[in-house]
Amino acid sequence: MTDPLPPLIARLLAGYGFPHPAGAPELIETHASWVLLADSFAYKIKKPVTLPFLDYGSLDKREACCRAELELNRRLAAGLYLDVVPIGGSALQPVIGALPAIEWAVRMRRFDEAGRLDHVAARGELRPQQIAQLAATLVGFHAASAAAPRDSRFGAPTQVLAAARENFIELHQLLPQTDQRLVGHLADWTDDEFALRAADFAARKQGGCIREGHGDLHLGNLVLIDGHVTAFDCIEFSDDFRWNDPVSEIAFVWIDLLDHDQPGLAAWLLNAWLEAGGDFGATAVLRFYAVYRAVVRAKIAVLRARQEDAAAAEGDIASARVYLELAWKIAAAPAPTLTITCGLSGSGKTTAATARLLDPGRADAGSLIRLRSDVERKRLFGLAPLAASGSAQDQGIYTQEATTRTYAALLSAARTLLAAGWPVIVDAAFLRRAERDAFRQLARELGVEFSLWHATARVDQLRERILSRSGDASEATVDVLEKQLGWFEPPTADENALTIG
């Protein structure tokens, strides 16, 4: 920002008015707020601005928005958001905490900016475990959030399409002519994809999927505190931004991970979210929302360029182009594929599938979705992935009937994911030929490439791996392995022709 600071902000920045030692306050300025970092606290003061999507034009409105920000952000970051405080006195002699108020501020606990996930990712220090924790947190958060009434405008297909189209109108107006062809391609893809998925958007709206979410869930609004990823700075000023499909928020984090050249972690996010919540139907609209989010980021960069000097503006335009190219890469994704594993307990199927998910060099990097029989079996019985079922061999959730149900659920989920255009790997034992044939037939039916991944190991290695396993969804024991050895139907010659490893 290049505008001079108002007297109030300048005095606070000089250290006046704080109810505690302020040290040397620091200022973070956005288009809508000033954030003063003083000692162990952060004070967020809203600018007296009115924009098409935001109204901070009066003191009463700024107070109301401060209180809404406090309440809404405490849903995900109760430990960060402390209170709303008045700023009394005068602009030249401010007193934080005094009435009558001349301004209001949200007071937060200060955190280390180096812990923001955009910085952590840029340093290459973001880990799959942290991404998995975030995914599980978001599943719980959205499940507990209020659902939008079915007759509300939130998440209505017409509203979703209108918001997406509006971005292209602005980009056509703001970007140089050299960029218009790509903008046009993305606009056409958006219309075509929406038409293809219209029934899915409608079903999600009518199915109660639209929730009061965060609204601005990108890596810069996620911070690592004591090893835990915490979301902060949600949208308080616009219901339309905050009420959306949870998969739209996941899409925002996903495209940010891709933008930070972390396709393995992007895939890990999708898989962790799907494993935790099981919302496989969301994948039908995920790519649409991902392109939408990337285009919004491009638009914001272009709007920022209009307010910067020439050198900064050039960088913003370059950033916009990066996001548009990312959007097109997502839109023009390769055809879906289906891979199934095959192997005895302990043969390394899950380890190999995990390595494939995290591999940044694959054509499907960032997009591969894994279905785990151990996870889906437990989901059928209402158990969390790591929960112990307490089932003895061939009993409880491990009867033949339960196994048949598990493979049927895997087949149904694979059909959903493939129809939505995503590459799939099914991580299951597939010890019987009939089980493998059902998935091979699904691939034929949908016209997708099929491959078999046969994992092998010596029997002593299998036993050793099973005995050393911990913290995993699998409950296979050595006794289970011994029984498998008696009835395993290894892949035959015609299947081996499809084997990739």
Protein backbone atom coordinates (compact mmCIF):
# COMPACT_ATOMS: atom_id res chain seq x y z
CA MET A 1 0.00 0.00 0.00
CA THR A 2 1.29 3.45 -0.86
CA ASP A 3 -1.34 5.70 0.75
CA PRO A 4 -0.22 7.63 3.87
CA LEU A 5 -1.28 6.13 7.18
CA PRO A 6 -4.16 7.76 9.08
CA PRO A 7 -3.06 9.52 12.29
CA LEU A 8 -4.58 6.82 14.51
CA ILE A 9 -2.66 4.01 12.84
CA ALA A 10 0.54 6.08 12.75
CA ARG A 11 0.33 6.74 16.51
CA LEU A 12 -0.35 3.10 17.32
CA LEU A 13 2.54 2.10 15.10
CA ALA A 14 4.71 4.49 17.13
CA GLY A 15 3.80 2.49 20.25
CA TYR A 16 1.15 4.75 21.81
CA GLY A 17 -2.06 3.58 23.46
CA PHE A 18 -1.35 -0.08 24.19
CA PRO A 19 -2.38 -1.55 27.56
CA HIS A 20 0.86 -3.53 27.71
CA PRO A 21 4.49 -2.99 26.65
CA ALA A 22 4.29 -2.81 22.87
CA GLY A 23 7.94 -3.10 21.97
CA ALA A 24 8.38 -1.91 18.40
CA PRO A 25 4.97 -2.52 16.76
CA GLU A 26 4.94 -3.89 13.21
CA LEU A 27 2.29 -3.24 10.58
CA ILE A 28 0.72 -5.63 8.08
CA GLU A 29 -1.58 -3.81 5.68
CA THR A 30 -4.18 -5.30 3.34
CA HIS A 31 -6.76 -3.67 1.12
CA ALA A 32 -9.32 -3.84 3.94
CA SER A 33 -7.40 -3.86 7.23
CA TRP A 34 -4.42 -2.77 9.25
CA VAL A 35 -2.91 -5.41 11.53
CA LEU A 36 -0.58 -4.14 14.26
CA LEU A 37 1.76 -6.68 15.80
CA ALA A 38 2.68 -5.57 19.32
CA ASP A 39 4.49 -7.77 21.81
CA SER A 40 2.57 -11.08 21.92
CA PHE A 41 -0.65 -9.68 20.44
CA ALA A 42 -2.05 -8.73 17.04
CA TYR A 43 -4.67 -5.99 16.68
CA LYS A 44 -6.73 -6.05 13.48
CA ILE A 45 -8.40 -2.75 12.62
CA LYS A 46 -10.77 -2.53 9.67
CA LYS A 47 -10.36 0.26 7.15
CA PRO A 48 -13.33 2.63 6.67
CA VAL A 49 -13.90 1.42 3.09
CA THR A 50 -16.93 0.37 1.08
CA LEU A 51 -16.41 -2.07 -1.78
CA PRO A 52 -18.88 -4.03 -3.93
CA PHE A 53 -18.49 -7.08 -1.67
CA LEU A 54 -17.64 -5.39 1.67
CA ASP A 55 -19.00 -2.51 3.75
CA TYR A 56 -16.82 -1.11 6.55
CA GLY A 57 -18.12 2.38 5.90
CA SER A 58 -19.32 3.29 9.42
CA LEU A 59 -18.00 2.74 12.94
CA ASP A 60 -21.07 0.66 13.83
CA LYS A 61 -20.53 -1.60 10.81
CA ARG A 62 -16.86 -2.05 11.65
CA GLU A 63 -17.72 -3.00 15.22
CA ALA A 64 -20.32 -5.50 14.02
CA CYS A 65 -17.85 -7.03 11.60
CA CYS A 66 -15.18 -7.25 14.31
CA ARG A 67 -17.60 -9.14 16.53
CA ALA A 68 -18.62 -11.42 13.66
CA GLU A 69 -14.95 -12.07 12.87
CA LEU A 70 -14.28 -13.04 16.48
CA GLU A 71 -17.23 -15.43 16.67
CA LEU A 72 -16.70 -17.05 13.28
CA ASN A 73 -12.95 -17.56 13.64
CA ARG A 74 -13.27 -19.09 17.07
CA ARG A 75 -14.84 -22.10 15.34
CA LEU A 76 -11.42 -23.12 14.02
CA ALA A 77 -8.97 -20.96 15.98
CA ALA A 78 -10.37 -20.43 19.47
CA GLY A 79 -6.86 -20.17 20.89
CA LEU A 80 -5.90 -17.31 18.57
CA TYR A 81 -8.95 -15.04 18.75
CA LEU A 82 -9.17 -13.34 22.13
CA ASP A 83 -11.70 -10.51 22.08
CA VAL A 84 -12.92 -7.31 20.46
CA VAL A 85 -11.53 -4.15 22.04
CA PRO A 86 -12.53 -0.51 21.70
CA ILE A 87 -9.97 2.15 20.91
CA GLY A 88 -10.85 5.33 22.78
CA GLY A 89 -9.24 8.71 23.33
CA SER A 90 -8.38 10.49 20.11
CA ALA A 91 -6.52 9.74 16.91
CA LEU A 92 -3.41 11.44 18.30
CA GLN A 93 -3.79 10.07 21.83
CA PRO A 94 -5.39 6.64 21.42
CA VAL A 95 -6.16 4.36 24.35
CA ILE A 96 -6.87 0.71 23.57
CA GLY A 97 -9.64 -0.53 25.85
CA ALA A 98 -11.17 2.88 26.55
CA LEU A 99 -14.70 4.07 25.76
CA PRO A 100 -16.30 5.80 23.98
CA ALA A 101 -14.78 4.05 20.98
CA ILE A 102 -13.38 5.97 18.05
CA GLU A 103 -12.42 2.63 16.47
CA TRP A 104 -12.61 -1.11 17.14
CA ALA A 105 -10.06 -3.91 16.85
CA VAL A 106 -10.03 -7.68 16.97
CA ARG A 107 -7.32 -8.76 19.40
CA MET A 108 -5.50 -11.99 18.65
CA ARG A 109 -2.55 -13.93 19.96
CA ARG A 110 0.44 -13.24 17.77
CA PHE A 111 1.99 -16.21 15.99
CA ASP A 112 5.25 -16.73 14.15
CA GLU A 113 4.67 -15.73 10.51
CA ALA A 114 7.21 -18.38 9.50
CA GLY A 115 4.62 -20.95 10.53
CA ARG A 116 2.14 -19.89 7.85
CA LEU A 117 1.68 -22.82 5.49
CA ASP A 118 2.58 -20.81 2.39
CA HIS A 119 5.99 -20.15 3.99
CA VAL A 120 6.32 -23.72 5.31
CA ALA A 121 5.51 -25.11 1.84
CA ALA A 122 7.94 -22.70 0.17
CA ARG A 123 10.70 -24.03 2.46
CA GLY A 124 9.78 -27.61 1.55
CA GLU A 125 8.96 -28.40 5.19
CA LEU A 126 5.25 -29.23 4.92
CA ARG A 127 4.58 -32.86 5.82
CA PRO A 128 1.84 -35.37 4.87
CA GLN A 129 0.92 -35.83 8.54
CA GLN A 130 0.17 -32.12 8.85
CA ILE A 131 -1.93 -32.18 5.69
CA ALA A 132 -3.83 -35.22 6.98
CA GLN A 133 -4.54 -33.44 10.28
CA LEU A 134 -5.85 -30.41 8.39
CA ALA A 135 -8.11 -32.61 6.25
CA ALA A 136 -9.55 -34.36 9.30
CA THR A 137 -10.08 -31.02 11.04
CA LEU A 138 -11.97 -29.65 8.04
CA VAL A 139 -14.17 -32.73 7.75
CA GLY A 140 -15.19 -32.31 11.38
CA PHE A 141 -15.61 -28.56 11.02
CA HIS A 142 -17.89 -28.76 8.00
CA ALA A 143 -19.90 -31.63 9.47
CA ALA A 144 -20.60 -29.53 12.56
CA SER A 145 -21.31 -26.32 10.62
CA ALA A 146 -24.80 -25.12 9.82
CA ALA A 147 -26.27 -26.40 6.56
CA ALA A 148 -27.77 -23.87 4.15
CA PRO A 149 -31.55 -24.12 3.76
CA ARG A 150 -32.46 -25.80 0.49
CA ASP A 151 -34.40 -22.75 -0.66
CA SER A 152 -31.52 -20.34 0.03
CA ARG A 153 -29.33 -18.85 -2.69
CA PHE A 154 -26.17 -20.37 -1.23
CA GLY A 155 -24.78 -23.11 -3.44
CA ALA A 156 -27.62 -22.81 -5.93
CA PRO A 157 -26.34 -23.95 -9.34
CA THR A 158 -27.30 -20.66 -10.99
CA GLN A 159 -25.37 -18.73 -8.35
CA VAL A 160 -22.31 -20.97 -8.72
CA LEU A 161 -22.20 -20.48 -12.48
CA ALA A 162 -22.85 -16.74 -12.26
CA ALA A 163 -19.94 -16.25 -9.84
CA ALA A 164 -17.62 -18.21 -12.14
CA ARG A 165 -18.68 -16.28 -15.23
CA GLU A 166 -18.22 -12.92 -13.48
CA ASN A 167 -14.50 -13.64 -13.07
CA PHE A 168 -14.05 -13.95 -16.81
CA ILE A 169 -15.89 -10.71 -17.51
CA GLU A 170 -13.42 -8.86 -15.29
CA LEU A 171 -10.39 -10.68 -16.68
CA HIS A 172 -11.44 -9.85 -20.22
CA GLN A 173 -11.59 -6.20 -19.18
CA LEU A 174 -8.33 -6.12 -17.24
CA LEU A 175 -5.81 -8.42 -18.94
CA PRO A 176 -3.76 -7.58 -22.03
CA GLN A 177 -4.94 -8.88 -25.40
CA THR A 178 -2.17 -11.49 -25.43
CA ASP A 179 -3.87 -13.28 -22.52
CA GLN A 180 -7.40 -13.22 -23.89
CA ARG A 181 -7.19 -16.53 -25.73
CA LEU A 182 -6.46 -18.51 -22.55
CA VAL A 183 -9.16 -16.61 -20.66
CA GLY A 184 -11.59 -17.52 -23.43
CA HIS A 185 -10.63 -21.20 -23.30
CA LEU A 186 -11.18 -21.27 -19.54
CA ALA A 187 -14.52 -19.49 -19.87
CA ASP A 188 -15.68 -22.03 -22.46
CA TRP A 189 -14.44 -24.94 -20.34
CA THR A 190 -16.28 -23.54 -17.32
CA ASP A 191 -19.57 -23.43 -19.22
CA ASP A 192 -19.06 -26.91 -20.64
CA GLU A 193 -18.02 -28.45 -17.33
CA PHE A 194 -20.94 -26.86 -15.53
CA ALA A 195 -23.36 -28.23 -18.13
CA LEU A 196 -21.80 -31.68 -17.75
CA ARG A 197 -22.05 -31.57 -13.94
CA ALA A 198 -25.31 -29.60 -13.57
CA ALA A 199 -27.13 -32.54 -11.99
CA ASP A 200 -24.30 -32.97 -9.48
CA PHE A 201 -24.44 -29.31 -8.43
CA ALA A 202 -28.20 -29.59 -8.00
CA ALA A 203 -27.92 -32.83 -6.04
CA ARG A 204 -25.38 -31.37 -3.66
CA LYS A 205 -27.54 -28.32 -3.06
CA GLN A 206 -30.64 -30.39 -2.40
CA GLY A 207 -28.67 -32.95 -0.40
CA GLY A 208 -27.72 -30.41 2.26
CA CYS A 209 -24.05 -30.29 1.32
CA ILE A 210 -23.76 -26.49 1.38
CA ARG A 211 -22.30 -25.33 4.71
CA GLU A 212 -21.23 -22.19 6.54
CA GLY A 213 -17.52 -22.58 6.00
CA HIS A 214 -14.37 -20.50 6.13
CA GLY A 215 -14.56 -18.74 2.77
CA ASP A 216 -10.87 -17.97 2.22
CA LEU A 217 -9.05 -21.20 2.93
CA HIS A 218 -5.67 -20.84 1.25
CA LEU A 219 -2.20 -21.62 2.59
CA GLY A 220 -1.65 -18.03 3.75
CA ASN A 221 -4.61 -18.39 6.11
CA LEU A 222 -3.34 -21.62 7.64
CA VAL A 223 -0.63 -21.62 10.29
CA LEU A 224 1.38 -24.32 12.02
CA ILE A 225 1.27 -23.79 15.79
CA ASP A 226 2.87 -26.41 18.05
CA GLY A 227 2.69 -28.91 15.19
CA HIS A 228 -1.03 -28.35 14.59
CA VAL A 229 -2.41 -26.68 11.46
CA THR A 230 -4.88 -23.95 12.39
CA ALA A 231 -7.13 -22.01 10.01
CA PHE A 232 -7.64 -18.31 10.71
CA ASP A 233 -8.94 -15.11 9.05
CA CYS A 234 -12.18 -16.51 7.67
CA ILE A 235 -14.56 -14.32 5.67
CA GLU A 236 -16.90 -12.43 7.99
CA PHE A 237 -18.06 -9.66 5.65
CA SER A 238 -19.85 -11.72 3.00
CA ASP A 239 -22.27 -14.57 3.52
CA ASP A 240 -21.98 -15.49 -0.15
CA PHE A 241 -18.24 -16.09 0.18
CA ARG A 242 -18.55 -18.06 3.41
CA TRP A 243 -21.53 -20.32 2.64
CA ASN A 244 -20.36 -22.83 0.06
CA ASP A 245 -19.72 -26.46 -0.74
CA PRO A 246 -16.95 -27.85 1.51
CA VAL A 247 -15.25 -29.29 -1.57
CA SER A 248 -14.84 -25.72 -2.86
CA GLU A 249 -12.75 -24.96 0.22
CA ILE A 250 -10.72 -28.14 -0.23
CA ALA A 251 -10.19 -27.10 -3.86
CA PHE A 252 -8.68 -23.81 -2.68
CA VAL A 253 -6.05 -25.55 -0.53
CA TRP A 254 -5.47 -28.08 -3.33
CA ILE A 255 -4.70 -25.47 -6.00
CA ASP A 256 -2.46 -23.59 -3.57
CA LEU A 257 -0.42 -26.74 -2.97
CA LEU A 258 -0.16 -27.26 -6.73
CA ASP A 259 0.89 -23.63 -7.14
CA HIS A 260 3.63 -24.21 -4.55
CA ASP A 261 4.87 -27.14 -6.65
CA GLN A 262 3.73 -29.71 -4.10
CA PRO A 263 1.60 -32.13 -6.17
CA GLY A 264 2.28 -35.01 -3.80
CA LEU A 265 0.88 -33.07 -0.87
CA ALA A 266 -2.02 -31.92 -3.04
CA ALA A 267 -2.91 -35.55 -3.71
CA TRP A 268 -2.41 -36.34 -0.04
CA LEU A 269 -4.91 -33.62 0.88
CA LEU A 270 -7.60 -35.01 -1.44
CA ASN A 271 -7.05 -38.54 -0.22
CA ALA A 272 -6.95 -37.64 3.47
CA TRP A 273 -10.16 -35.61 3.08
CA LEU A 274 -11.95 -38.40 1.24
CA GLU A 275 -10.75 -41.03 3.71
CA ALA A 276 -11.91 -38.96 6.66
CA GLY A 277 -15.31 -38.01 5.25
CA GLY A 278 -16.12 -40.42 2.44
CA ASP A 279 -17.74 -37.73 0.26
CA PHE A 280 -16.74 -39.34 -3.05
CA GLY A 281 -19.61 -37.61 -4.87
CA ALA A 282 -17.86 -34.28 -4.27
CA THR A 283 -15.21 -35.19 -6.81
CA ALA A 284 -17.73 -34.60 -9.62
CA VAL A 285 -17.58 -30.85 -8.93
CA LEU A 286 -14.09 -30.59 -7.45
CA ARG A 287 -12.34 -29.79 -10.72
CA PHE A 288 -14.87 -27.04 -11.52
CA TYR A 289 -14.28 -25.42 -8.14
CA ALA A 290 -10.51 -25.79 -8.46
CA VAL A 291 -10.50 -23.95 -11.78
CA TYR A 292 -12.81 -21.34 -10.26
CA ARG A 293 -10.47 -20.78 -7.31
CA ALA A 294 -7.40 -20.49 -9.55
CA VAL A 295 -9.19 -17.98 -11.79
CA VAL A 296 -10.21 -15.94 -8.73
CA ARG A 297 -6.56 -15.82 -7.66
CA ALA A 298 -5.66 -14.59 -11.15
CA LYS A 299 -8.33 -11.91 -10.96
CA ILE A 300 -7.13 -10.71 -7.56
CA ALA A 301 -3.58 -10.44 -8.89
CA VAL A 302 -4.80 -8.34 -11.84
CA LEU A 303 -6.86 -6.08 -9.57
CA ARG A 304 -3.82 -5.62 -7.34
CA ALA A 305 -1.74 -4.68 -10.38
CA ARG A 306 -4.01 -1.70 -11.03
CA GLN A 307 -3.06 -0.23 -7.64
CA GLU A 308 0.70 -0.81 -7.80
CA ASP A 309 3.57 0.96 -9.50
CA ALA A 310 4.73 -0.31 -12.90
CA ALA A 311 7.35 -2.74 -11.58
CA ALA A 312 5.03 -4.30 -9.01
CA ALA A 313 2.17 -4.40 -11.51
CA GLU A 314 4.29 -6.41 -13.93
CA GLY A 315 4.89 -9.00 -11.23
CA ASP A 316 1.18 -9.17 -10.45
CA ILE A 317 0.29 -9.73 -14.11
CA ALA A 318 2.90 -12.50 -14.27
CA SER A 319 1.33 -14.06 -11.16
CA ALA A 320 -2.10 -13.89 -12.79
CA ARG A 321 -0.76 -15.74 -15.83
CA VAL A 322 0.65 -18.49 -13.59
CA TYR A 323 -2.76 -19.01 -12.02
CA LEU A 324 -4.50 -19.05 -15.40
CA GLU A 325 -2.03 -21.64 -16.67
CA LEU A 326 -2.61 -23.71 -13.52
CA ALA A 327 -6.36 -23.45 -14.08
CA TRP A 328 -5.95 -24.73 -17.64
CA LYS A 329 -3.72 -27.59 -16.50
CA ILE A 330 -6.45 -28.65 -14.05
CA ALA A 331 -9.16 -28.27 -16.70
CA ALA A 332 -7.22 -30.23 -19.33
CA ALA A 333 -6.47 -33.17 -17.06
CA PRO A 334 -5.45 -36.50 -18.62
CA ALA A 335 -8.01 -39.27 -18.98
CA PRO A 336 -8.83 -41.25 -15.82
CA THR A 337 -7.20 -44.62 -15.23
CA LEU A 338 -7.92 -47.55 -12.93
CA THR A 339 -5.23 -49.52 -11.13
CA ILE A 340 -5.84 -52.27 -8.60
CA THR A 341 -3.31 -53.85 -6.28
CA CYS A 342 -2.98 -57.53 -5.58
CA GLY A 343 -1.03 -59.22 -2.82
CA LEU A 344 -1.01 -60.96 0.53
CA SER A 345 -1.08 -59.06 3.80
CA GLY A 346 2.29 -57.39 4.38
CA SER A 347 3.34 -57.52 0.72
CA GLY A 348 3.77 -53.75 0.52
CA LYS A 349 0.64 -52.71 -1.39
CA THR A 350 -0.11 -49.70 0.78
CA THR A 351 3.52 -48.62 0.96
CA ALA A 352 3.80 -48.69 -2.83
CA ALA A 353 0.47 -46.90 -3.30
CA THR A 354 1.57 -44.21 -0.85
CA ALA A 355 4.80 -43.67 -2.75
CA ARG A 356 2.81 -43.34 -5.97
CA LEU A 357 0.52 -40.73 -4.41
CA LEU A 358 3.46 -38.62 -3.32
CA ASP A 359 5.47 -39.03 -6.54
CA PRO A 360 5.69 -35.57 -8.20
CA GLY A 361 6.94 -36.98 -11.50
CA ARG A 362 3.84 -38.89 -12.56
CA ALA A 363 1.38 -37.71 -15.21
CA ASP A 364 -1.40 -37.97 -12.61
CA ALA A 365 0.64 -36.21 -9.89
CA GLY A 366 -1.63 -34.26 -7.58
CA SER A 367 -4.80 -35.98 -8.80
CA LEU A 368 -4.48 -39.70 -8.02
CA ILE A 369 -7.14 -40.95 -5.62
CA ARG A 370 -6.59 -44.10 -3.60
CA LEU A 371 -9.37 -46.30 -2.24
CA ARG A 372 -8.23 -48.44 0.70
CA SER A 373 -10.19 -51.57 1.53
CA ASP A 374 -9.12 -51.33 5.19
CA VAL A 375 -10.59 -47.83 5.44
CA GLU A 376 -13.78 -48.49 3.46
CA ARG A 377 -14.46 -51.71 5.35
CA LYS A 378 -14.39 -49.80 8.62
CA ARG A 379 -16.52 -47.01 7.17
CA LEU A 380 -19.24 -49.58 6.38
CA PHE A 381 -19.36 -50.43 10.06
CA GLY A 382 -19.18 -46.85 11.36
CA LEU A 383 -15.55 -47.04 12.46
CA ALA A 384 -12.76 -44.51 12.00
CA PRO A 385 -9.79 -45.71 9.90
CA LEU A 386 -7.50 -46.27 12.90
CA ALA A 387 -10.19 -47.59 15.25
CA ALA A 388 -9.79 -51.16 16.43
CA SER A 389 -12.79 -53.26 15.45
CA GLY A 390 -12.21 -55.94 18.08
CA SER A 391 -13.11 -58.55 15.47
CA ALA A 392 -11.64 -62.02 15.59
CA GLN A 393 -10.59 -63.75 12.38
CA ASP A 394 -13.61 -64.47 10.13
CA GLN A 395 -15.89 -62.63 12.57
CA GLY A 396 -17.27 -59.11 13.05
CA ILE A 397 -16.19 -56.88 10.20
CA TYR A 398 -14.08 -59.66 8.68
CA THR A 399 -16.75 -62.19 7.74
CA GLN A 400 -17.10 -63.23 4.11
CA GLU A 401 -20.28 -61.19 3.91
CA ALA A 402 -18.43 -58.11 5.20
CA THR A 403 -15.68 -58.68 2.64
CA THR A 404 -18.23 -58.95 -0.17
CA ARG A 405 -19.82 -55.69 0.99
CA THR A 406 -16.40 -54.04 1.15
CA TYR A 407 -15.50 -54.90 -2.43
CA ALA A 408 -18.94 -53.75 -3.57
CA ALA A 409 -18.36 -50.41 -1.81
CA LEU A 410 -14.92 -50.09 -3.42
CA LEU A 411 -16.41 -50.82 -6.84
CA SER A 412 -19.14 -48.22 -6.34
CA ALA A 413 -16.68 -45.57 -5.16
CA ALA A 414 -14.30 -46.33 -8.04
CA ARG A 415 -17.17 -45.93 -10.50
CA THR A 416 -18.05 -42.55 -8.98
CA LEU A 417 -14.46 -41.30 -9.08
CA LEU A 418 -13.76 -42.51 -12.61
CA ALA A 419 -17.00 -41.02 -13.92
CA ALA A 420 -15.91 -37.73 -12.36
CA GLY A 421 -12.66 -37.93 -14.34
CA TRP A 422 -10.13 -38.88 -11.64
CA PRO A 423 -7.39 -41.51 -11.80
CA VAL A 424 -7.95 -44.22 -9.20
CA ILE A 425 -5.86 -46.84 -7.46
CA VAL A 426 -7.69 -49.42 -5.35
CA ASP A 427 -5.50 -50.63 -2.50
CA ALA A 428 -6.92 -54.01 -1.55
CA ALA A 429 -5.73 -57.62 -1.39
CA PHE A 430 -7.72 -58.79 -4.45
CA LEU A 431 -6.75 -62.36 -3.64
CA ARG A 432 -9.58 -63.88 -5.69
CA ARG A 433 -9.85 -63.74 -9.48
CA ALA A 434 -13.55 -62.81 -9.35
CA GLU A 435 -12.77 -59.71 -7.30
CA ARG A 436 -10.19 -58.55 -9.83
CA ASP A 437 -12.45 -59.33 -12.79
CA ALA A 438 -15.21 -57.07 -11.46
CA PHE A 439 -12.87 -54.06 -11.56
CA ARG A 440 -11.45 -55.04 -14.91
CA GLN A 441 -15.00 -55.12 -16.25
CA LEU A 442 -15.68 -51.67 -14.75
CA ALA A 443 -12.70 -50.29 -16.65
CA ARG A 444 -13.99 -51.83 -19.89
CA GLU A 445 -17.45 -50.43 -19.27
CA LEU A 446 -16.16 -46.90 -18.68
CA GLY A 447 -13.51 -47.07 -21.37
CA VAL A 448 -10.57 -46.34 -19.07
CA GLU A 449 -7.10 -47.85 -19.01
CA PHE A 450 -6.77 -50.72 -16.52
CA SER A 451 -3.66 -52.08 -14.83
CA LEU A 452 -2.82 -54.54 -12.08
CA TRP A 453 -0.16 -53.95 -9.46
CA HIS A 454 1.00 -57.32 -8.05
CA ALA A 455 3.02 -56.92 -4.84
CA THR A 456 5.12 -59.87 -3.71
CA ALA A 457 7.51 -60.71 -0.88
CA ARG A 458 8.95 -63.78 0.82
CA VAL A 459 6.71 -65.35 3.46
CA ASP A 460 9.19 -64.55 6.23
CA GLN A 461 9.16 -60.90 5.11
CA LEU A 462 5.35 -60.89 5.17
CA ARG A 463 5.29 -62.19 8.73
CA GLU A 464 7.94 -59.71 9.87
CA ARG A 465 6.12 -56.74 8.34
CA ILE A 466 2.78 -57.71 9.88
CA LEU A 467 4.33 -58.09 13.34
CA SER A 468 6.04 -54.70 13.12
CA ARG A 469 3.00 -52.81 11.79
CA SER A 470 1.45 -50.10 13.98
CA GLY A 471 -0.70 -47.00 13.53
CA ASP A 472 -2.34 -48.34 10.37
CA ALA A 473 -5.92 -49.08 9.32
CA SER A 474 -5.06 -52.74 8.61
CA GLU A 475 -5.82 -55.26 11.34
CA ALA A 476 -4.33 -58.25 9.52
CA THR A 477 -2.43 -60.68 11.76
CA VAL A 478 -0.01 -63.50 11.02
CA ASP A 479 -2.91 -65.94 11.46
CA VAL A 480 -4.78 -64.07 8.73
CA LEU A 481 -1.72 -64.36 6.48
CA GLU A 482 -1.44 -68.10 7.06
CA LYS A 483 -5.05 -68.55 5.98
CA GLN A 484 -4.55 -66.34 2.90
CA LEU A 485 -1.64 -68.52 1.79
CA GLY A 486 -4.03 -71.44 1.53
CA TRP A 487 -6.57 -69.94 -0.85
CA PHE A 488 -4.84 -67.08 -2.71
CA GLU A 489 -5.57 -67.16 -6.46
CA PRO A 490 -2.48 -65.52 -8.02
CA PRO A 491 -2.86 -63.51 -11.23
CA THR A 492 -2.96 -65.73 -14.32
CA ALA A 493 -1.15 -65.24 -17.60
CA ASP A 494 -3.78 -62.95 -19.11
CA GLU A 495 -3.72 -60.80 -15.96
CA ASN A 496 0.06 -60.69 -15.85
CA ALA A 497 -0.04 -58.98 -19.22
CA LEU A 498 -1.68 -56.06 -17.42
CA THR A 499 0.73 -56.04 -14.49
CA ILE A 500 2.79 -52.88 -13.94
CA GLY A 501 4.84 -53.98 -10.96
